[in-house]
Amino acid sequence: MILNETFHACVAHPGIVSVASTSKENGAHIANTWNKYLIITEDEKIVIPCFGFHKTEKNVSENPVVEVVIGSHEVQGKMGMGTGFLLRGKAEFVKEGPLYDQMHEQCNWASRVLIFTPESCKQTI
């Protein structure tokens, strides 16, 4: 299991999600959303609804490796209230299928979803 109990507590509370991707020219780009929109699957995929995220999608088509930061100020961290995680893994965008359908029921504004498969998860605060 990559995603521990503290991580799951973090995403269960209000907070932010940042997705960092890079272009083939190594230009960095960060897109943001709220963790209240995330779906965590049993096999630890993180499903993120997308309406914008166009630059991220272009970057992922060239380089699927992304870093995701998830945080909440409402969960006990290492040194007090507030915790956050840095995840590294691979992303793909989908416009159909069961994960898209599940997300679209929750966020009908989503035109597609980013499916993130974490390879590492480190608590940073």
N, C-alpha and C. Protein backbone atom coordinates (compact mmCIF):
# COMPACT_ATOMS: atom_id res chain seq x y z
N MET A 1 0.83 -1.19 0.00
CA MET A 1 0.00 0.00 0.00
C MET A 1 0.88 1.25 0.00
N ILE A 2 0.67 2.09 -0.95
CA ILE A 2 1.42 3.34 -1.05
C ILE A 2 0.73 4.45 -0.25
N LEU A 3 -0.60 4.45 -0.25
CA LEU A 3 -1.36 5.52 0.39
C LEU A 3 -1.77 5.10 1.79
N ASN A 4 -1.21 5.77 2.80
CA ASN A 4 -1.43 5.35 4.20
C ASN A 4 -2.67 6.03 4.81
N GLU A 5 -2.91 5.73 6.07
CA GLU A 5 -4.07 6.24 6.80
C GLU A 5 -4.07 7.77 6.89
N THR A 6 -2.90 8.37 7.12
CA THR A 6 -2.82 9.83 7.21
C THR A 6 -3.15 10.47 5.87
N PHE A 7 -2.71 9.85 4.78
CA PHE A 7 -3.04 10.36 3.44
C PHE A 7 -4.56 10.35 3.25
N HIS A 8 -5.20 9.23 3.58
CA HIS A 8 -6.65 9.14 3.40
C HIS A 8 -7.39 10.15 4.28
N ALA A 9 -6.87 10.41 5.49
CA ALA A 9 -7.47 11.44 6.34
C ALA A 9 -7.32 12.82 5.70
N CYS A 10 -6.18 13.05 5.09
CA CYS A 10 -5.91 14.34 4.43
C CYS A 10 -6.92 14.59 3.31
N VAL A 11 -7.14 13.61 2.44
CA VAL A 11 -8.05 13.84 1.32
C VAL A 11 -9.52 13.84 1.74
N ALA A 12 -9.80 13.40 2.95
CA ALA A 12 -11.17 13.43 3.46
C ALA A 12 -11.55 14.80 4.00
N HIS A 13 -10.59 15.72 4.09
CA HIS A 13 -10.83 17.07 4.59
C HIS A 13 -10.58 18.09 3.49
N PRO A 14 -11.13 19.30 3.62
CA PRO A 14 -10.89 20.34 2.61
C PRO A 14 -9.40 20.62 2.45
N GLY A 15 -9.01 20.79 1.20
CA GLY A 15 -7.62 21.10 0.91
C GLY A 15 -7.39 21.23 -0.59
N ILE A 16 -6.12 21.38 -0.94
CA ILE A 16 -5.76 21.66 -2.33
C ILE A 16 -4.99 20.50 -2.94
N VAL A 17 -5.10 20.40 -4.25
CA VAL A 17 -4.36 19.43 -5.05
C VAL A 17 -3.65 20.20 -6.15
N SER A 18 -2.36 19.97 -6.29
CA SER A 18 -1.58 20.58 -7.37
C SER A 18 -0.96 19.46 -8.19
N VAL A 19 -1.07 19.56 -9.52
CA VAL A 19 -0.51 18.58 -10.43
C VAL A 19 0.58 19.28 -11.25
N ALA A 20 1.82 18.80 -11.11
CA ALA A 20 2.95 19.38 -11.83
C ALA A 20 3.35 18.46 -12.97
N SER A 21 3.42 19.03 -14.16
CA SER A 21 3.83 18.29 -15.35
C SER A 21 4.93 19.08 -16.06
N THR A 22 5.61 18.42 -17.00
CA THR A 22 6.64 19.10 -17.77
C THR A 22 6.44 18.85 -19.26
N SER A 23 6.76 19.86 -20.04
CA SER A 23 6.70 19.73 -21.49
C SER A 23 7.96 19.03 -21.98
N LYS A 24 7.99 18.69 -23.27
CA LYS A 24 9.19 18.03 -23.81
C LYS A 24 10.39 18.97 -23.80
N GLU A 25 10.15 20.28 -23.69
CA GLU A 25 11.24 21.26 -23.56
C GLU A 25 11.61 21.49 -22.09
N ASN A 26 11.04 20.67 -21.18
CA ASN A 26 11.26 20.75 -19.74
C ASN A 26 10.66 21.98 -19.08
N GLY A 27 9.66 22.56 -19.72
CA GLY A 27 8.94 23.67 -19.10
C GLY A 27 7.95 23.13 -18.08
N ALA A 28 8.01 23.64 -16.87
CA ALA A 28 7.12 23.17 -15.80
C ALA A 28 5.75 23.84 -15.90
N HIS A 29 4.73 23.11 -15.51
CA HIS A 29 3.37 23.64 -15.46
C HIS A 29 2.66 23.04 -14.25
N ILE A 30 1.88 23.85 -13.55
CA ILE A 30 1.13 23.37 -12.40
C ILE A 30 -0.34 23.72 -12.59
N ALA A 31 -1.20 22.72 -12.39
CA ALA A 31 -2.66 22.92 -12.41
C ALA A 31 -3.19 22.55 -11.03
N ASN A 32 -4.25 23.20 -10.62
CA ASN A 32 -4.79 22.99 -9.27
C ASN A 32 -6.26 22.63 -9.29
N THR A 33 -6.66 21.92 -8.24
CA THR A 33 -8.06 21.63 -7.98
C THR A 33 -8.22 21.44 -6.47
N TRP A 34 -9.40 21.02 -6.04
CA TRP A 34 -9.67 20.79 -4.63
C TRP A 34 -9.75 19.30 -4.36
N ASN A 35 -9.25 18.89 -3.20
CA ASN A 35 -9.25 17.45 -2.91
C ASN A 35 -10.65 16.88 -2.68
N LYS A 36 -11.65 17.72 -2.48
CA LYS A 36 -13.01 17.22 -2.31
C LYS A 36 -13.53 16.55 -3.58
N TYR A 37 -12.89 16.81 -4.71
CA TYR A 37 -13.32 16.23 -5.97
C TYR A 37 -12.66 14.87 -6.27
N LEU A 38 -11.64 14.49 -5.54
CA LEU A 38 -10.89 13.28 -5.85
C LEU A 38 -11.69 12.02 -5.58
N ILE A 39 -11.43 11.02 -6.40
CA ILE A 39 -11.89 9.66 -6.14
C ILE A 39 -10.62 8.81 -6.02
N ILE A 40 -10.52 8.06 -4.91
CA ILE A 40 -9.40 7.14 -4.72
C ILE A 40 -9.96 5.74 -4.92
N THR A 41 -9.42 5.01 -5.88
CA THR A 41 -9.93 3.67 -6.17
C THR A 41 -9.30 2.64 -5.22
N GLU A 42 -9.87 1.46 -5.20
CA GLU A 42 -9.33 0.39 -4.35
C GLU A 42 -7.90 0.03 -4.71
N ASP A 43 -7.54 0.17 -5.98
CA ASP A 43 -6.16 -0.13 -6.40
C ASP A 43 -5.27 1.11 -6.36
N GLU A 44 -5.70 2.12 -5.60
CA GLU A 44 -4.94 3.34 -5.29
C GLU A 44 -4.69 4.26 -6.49
N LYS A 45 -5.55 4.23 -7.46
CA LYS A 45 -5.50 5.24 -8.51
C LYS A 45 -6.24 6.46 -7.97
N ILE A 46 -5.76 7.64 -8.34
CA ILE A 46 -6.40 8.88 -7.93
C ILE A 46 -7.03 9.49 -9.18
N VAL A 47 -8.34 9.68 -9.13
CA VAL A 47 -9.09 10.19 -10.27
C VAL A 47 -9.41 11.66 -10.01
N ILE A 48 -9.02 12.51 -10.96
CA ILE A 48 -9.17 13.96 -10.81
C ILE A 48 -10.05 14.47 -11.95
N PRO A 49 -11.13 15.19 -11.64
CA PRO A 49 -11.96 15.74 -12.70
C PRO A 49 -11.26 16.90 -13.39
N CYS A 50 -11.48 17.01 -14.70
CA CYS A 50 -10.82 18.10 -15.45
C CYS A 50 -11.84 18.80 -16.34
N PHE A 51 -11.81 20.11 -16.25
CA PHE A 51 -12.52 20.96 -17.20
C PHE A 51 -11.47 21.72 -17.99
N GLY A 52 -10.53 22.33 -17.25
CA GLY A 52 -9.35 22.96 -17.86
C GLY A 52 -8.28 21.90 -18.03
N PHE A 53 -7.12 22.12 -17.43
CA PHE A 53 -6.01 21.16 -17.45
C PHE A 53 -5.50 20.88 -18.87
N HIS A 54 -5.70 21.80 -19.81
CA HIS A 54 -5.30 21.56 -21.20
C HIS A 54 -3.78 21.48 -21.36
N LYS A 55 -3.06 22.36 -20.71
CA LYS A 55 -1.59 22.32 -20.78
C LYS A 55 -1.08 21.03 -20.12
N THR A 56 -1.68 20.65 -19.00
CA THR A 56 -1.29 19.41 -18.33
C THR A 56 -1.52 18.22 -19.26
N GLU A 57 -2.66 18.20 -19.92
CA GLU A 57 -2.97 17.09 -20.83
C GLU A 57 -1.96 17.02 -21.98
N LYS A 58 -1.60 18.17 -22.53
CA LYS A 58 -0.59 18.19 -23.60
C LYS A 58 0.74 17.66 -23.07
N ASN A 59 1.15 18.13 -21.89
CA ASN A 59 2.41 17.67 -21.31
C ASN A 59 2.39 16.17 -21.05
N VAL A 60 1.29 15.66 -20.51
CA VAL A 60 1.19 14.23 -20.20
C VAL A 60 1.26 13.39 -21.48
N SER A 61 0.76 13.91 -22.58
CA SER A 61 0.85 13.17 -23.84
C SER A 61 2.31 13.01 -24.29
N GLU A 62 3.17 13.92 -23.84
CA GLU A 62 4.60 13.86 -24.18
C GLU A 62 5.43 13.20 -23.09
N ASN A 63 4.98 13.33 -21.83
CA ASN A 63 5.72 12.78 -20.69
C ASN A 63 4.70 12.49 -19.59
N PRO A 64 4.34 11.22 -19.39
CA PRO A 64 3.28 10.88 -18.43
C PRO A 64 3.67 11.00 -16.96
N VAL A 65 4.94 11.24 -16.67
CA VAL A 65 5.37 11.34 -15.27
C VAL A 65 4.99 12.70 -14.72
N VAL A 66 4.23 12.69 -13.61
CA VAL A 66 3.82 13.93 -12.96
C VAL A 66 4.07 13.81 -11.46
N GLU A 67 4.08 14.96 -10.81
CA GLU A 67 4.12 15.02 -9.35
C GLU A 67 2.84 15.70 -8.89
N VAL A 68 2.27 15.16 -7.82
CA VAL A 68 1.03 15.68 -7.28
C VAL A 68 1.26 16.02 -5.81
N VAL A 69 0.82 17.21 -5.41
CA VAL A 69 0.89 17.62 -4.01
C VAL A 69 -0.55 17.74 -3.51
N ILE A 70 -0.81 17.09 -2.38
CA ILE A 70 -2.14 17.13 -1.77
C ILE A 70 -1.97 17.56 -0.33
N GLY A 71 -2.77 18.52 0.11
CA GLY A 71 -2.64 18.98 1.48
C GLY A 71 -3.95 19.43 2.08
N SER A 72 -3.99 19.42 3.41
CA SER A 72 -5.13 19.94 4.16
C SER A 72 -4.63 20.52 5.47
N HIS A 73 -5.15 21.66 5.84
CA HIS A 73 -4.77 22.29 7.11
C HIS A 73 -5.55 21.71 8.29
N GLU A 74 -6.49 20.82 8.04
CA GLU A 74 -7.36 20.30 9.09
C GLU A 74 -6.94 18.95 9.67
N VAL A 75 -5.82 18.42 9.24
CA VAL A 75 -5.38 17.09 9.69
C VAL A 75 -4.04 17.24 10.41
N GLN A 76 -3.88 16.50 11.50
CA GLN A 76 -2.62 16.52 12.25
C GLN A 76 -1.46 16.11 11.35
N GLY A 77 -0.44 16.96 11.29
CA GLY A 77 0.75 16.66 10.52
C GLY A 77 1.89 16.25 11.42
N LYS A 78 3.10 16.36 10.90
CA LYS A 78 4.29 15.96 11.65
C LYS A 78 4.60 16.90 12.81
N MET A 79 4.21 18.18 12.67
CA MET A 79 4.58 19.17 13.69
C MET A 79 3.39 20.03 14.11
N GLY A 80 2.20 19.54 14.02
CA GLY A 80 1.03 20.31 14.38
C GLY A 80 -0.05 20.11 13.34
N MET A 81 -1.04 20.98 13.39
CA MET A 81 -2.14 20.85 12.43
C MET A 81 -1.67 21.21 11.04
N GLY A 82 -2.17 20.47 10.10
CA GLY A 82 -1.82 20.65 8.70
C GLY A 82 -0.87 19.57 8.24
N THR A 83 -1.21 18.96 7.14
CA THR A 83 -0.33 17.94 6.57
C THR A 83 -0.41 17.99 5.06
N GLY A 84 0.61 17.45 4.42
CA GLY A 84 0.65 17.41 2.97
C GLY A 84 1.51 16.26 2.49
N PHE A 85 1.27 15.90 1.24
CA PHE A 85 1.95 14.76 0.63
C PHE A 85 2.45 15.11 -0.76
N LEU A 86 3.61 14.58 -1.11
CA LEU A 86 4.16 14.68 -2.45
C LEU A 86 4.11 13.28 -3.05
N LEU A 87 3.41 13.15 -4.15
CA LEU A 87 3.29 11.88 -4.84
C LEU A 87 3.93 11.99 -6.22
N ARG A 88 4.55 10.92 -6.64
CA ARG A 88 5.15 10.87 -7.98
C ARG A 88 4.60 9.63 -8.66
N GLY A 89 4.25 9.75 -9.94
CA GLY A 89 3.72 8.62 -10.67
C GLY A 89 3.39 8.99 -12.09
N LYS A 90 2.47 8.23 -12.68
CA LYS A 90 2.12 8.44 -14.08
C LYS A 90 0.66 8.83 -14.20
N ALA A 91 0.40 9.67 -15.20
CA ALA A 91 -0.95 10.19 -15.43
C ALA A 91 -1.41 9.84 -16.83
N GLU A 92 -2.71 9.71 -16.96
CA GLU A 92 -3.34 9.58 -18.28
C GLU A 92 -4.69 10.29 -18.22
N PHE A 93 -5.13 10.78 -19.36
CA PHE A 93 -6.43 11.43 -19.46
C PHE A 93 -7.39 10.51 -20.20
N VAL A 94 -8.62 10.41 -19.69
CA VAL A 94 -9.65 9.61 -20.36
C VAL A 94 -10.94 10.42 -20.46
N LYS A 95 -11.69 10.14 -21.51
CA LYS A 95 -12.95 10.83 -21.77
C LYS A 95 -14.14 9.89 -21.74
N GLU A 96 -13.88 8.63 -21.41
CA GLU A 96 -14.95 7.64 -21.35
C GLU A 96 -14.50 6.47 -20.49
N GLY A 97 -15.45 5.62 -20.15
CA GLY A 97 -15.14 4.45 -19.35
C GLY A 97 -15.69 4.58 -17.94
N PRO A 98 -15.55 3.52 -17.13
CA PRO A 98 -16.17 3.50 -15.81
C PRO A 98 -15.67 4.58 -14.86
N LEU A 99 -14.39 4.88 -14.87
CA LEU A 99 -13.88 5.93 -13.96
C LEU A 99 -14.37 7.31 -14.40
N TYR A 100 -14.42 7.54 -15.71
CA TYR A 100 -14.97 8.80 -16.20
C TYR A 100 -16.45 8.91 -15.80
N ASP A 101 -17.21 7.83 -16.01
CA ASP A 101 -18.64 7.85 -15.67
C ASP A 101 -18.85 8.11 -14.19
N GLN A 102 -18.07 7.45 -13.34
CA GLN A 102 -18.19 7.65 -11.89
C GLN A 102 -17.90 9.10 -11.52
N MET A 103 -16.85 9.66 -12.10
CA MET A 103 -16.50 11.05 -11.79
C MET A 103 -17.55 12.00 -12.35
N HIS A 104 -18.04 11.74 -13.54
CA HIS A 104 -19.01 12.65 -14.17
C HIS A 104 -20.31 12.70 -13.38
N GLU A 105 -20.67 11.63 -12.69
CA GLU A 105 -21.85 11.65 -11.81
C GLU A 105 -21.63 12.62 -10.66
N GLN A 106 -20.41 12.70 -10.16
CA GLN A 106 -20.06 13.57 -9.03
C GLN A 106 -19.78 14.99 -9.49
N CYS A 107 -19.14 15.14 -10.63
CA CYS A 107 -18.75 16.45 -11.16
C CYS A 107 -19.19 16.51 -12.62
N ASN A 108 -20.44 16.91 -12.85
CA ASN A 108 -20.97 16.88 -14.21
C ASN A 108 -20.30 17.88 -15.15
N TRP A 109 -19.49 18.77 -14.60
CA TRP A 109 -18.77 19.75 -15.41
C TRP A 109 -17.47 19.17 -15.99
N ALA A 110 -17.07 17.99 -15.54
CA ALA A 110 -15.80 17.40 -16.00
C ALA A 110 -15.93 16.93 -17.45
N SER A 111 -15.04 17.42 -18.31
CA SER A 111 -15.05 16.99 -19.71
C SER A 111 -14.19 15.74 -19.92
N ARG A 112 -13.33 15.44 -18.95
CA ARG A 112 -12.48 14.26 -18.96
C ARG A 112 -11.90 14.11 -17.57
N VAL A 113 -11.18 13.03 -17.32
CA VAL A 113 -10.56 12.83 -16.02
C VAL A 113 -9.08 12.51 -16.20
N LEU A 114 -8.32 12.94 -15.22
CA LEU A 114 -6.91 12.57 -15.13
C LEU A 114 -6.86 11.38 -14.17
N ILE A 115 -6.32 10.28 -14.62
CA ILE A 115 -6.13 9.12 -13.77
C ILE A 115 -4.65 9.05 -13.42
N PHE A 116 -4.38 9.23 -12.13
CA PHE A 116 -3.00 9.27 -11.63
C PHE A 116 -2.72 7.97 -10.89
N THR A 117 -1.64 7.31 -11.27
CA THR A 117 -1.20 6.08 -10.62
C THR A 117 0.08 6.40 -9.85
N PRO A 118 -0.02 6.56 -8.53
CA PRO A 118 1.18 6.91 -7.75
C PRO A 118 2.17 5.76 -7.66
N GLU A 119 3.44 6.12 -7.77
CA GLU A 119 4.53 5.16 -7.56
C GLU A 119 5.22 5.41 -6.23
N SER A 120 5.05 6.63 -5.70
CA SER A 120 5.59 6.96 -4.38
C SER A 120 4.69 8.00 -3.74
N CYS A 121 4.69 8.02 -2.41
CA CYS A 121 3.89 8.97 -1.64
C CYS A 121 4.68 9.29 -0.37
N LYS A 122 5.06 10.56 -0.23
CA LYS A 122 5.88 10.99 0.91
C LYS A 122 5.16 12.10 1.65
N GLN A 123 5.00 11.94 2.95
CA GLN A 123 4.43 13.01 3.77
C GLN A 123 5.49 14.08 3.94
N THR A 124 5.15 15.32 3.57
CA THR A 124 6.13 16.40 3.60
C THR A 124 5.99 17.33 4.81
N ILE A 125 4.77 17.45 5.34
CA ILE A 125 4.57 18.28 6.54
C ILE A 125 3.61 17.58 7.47
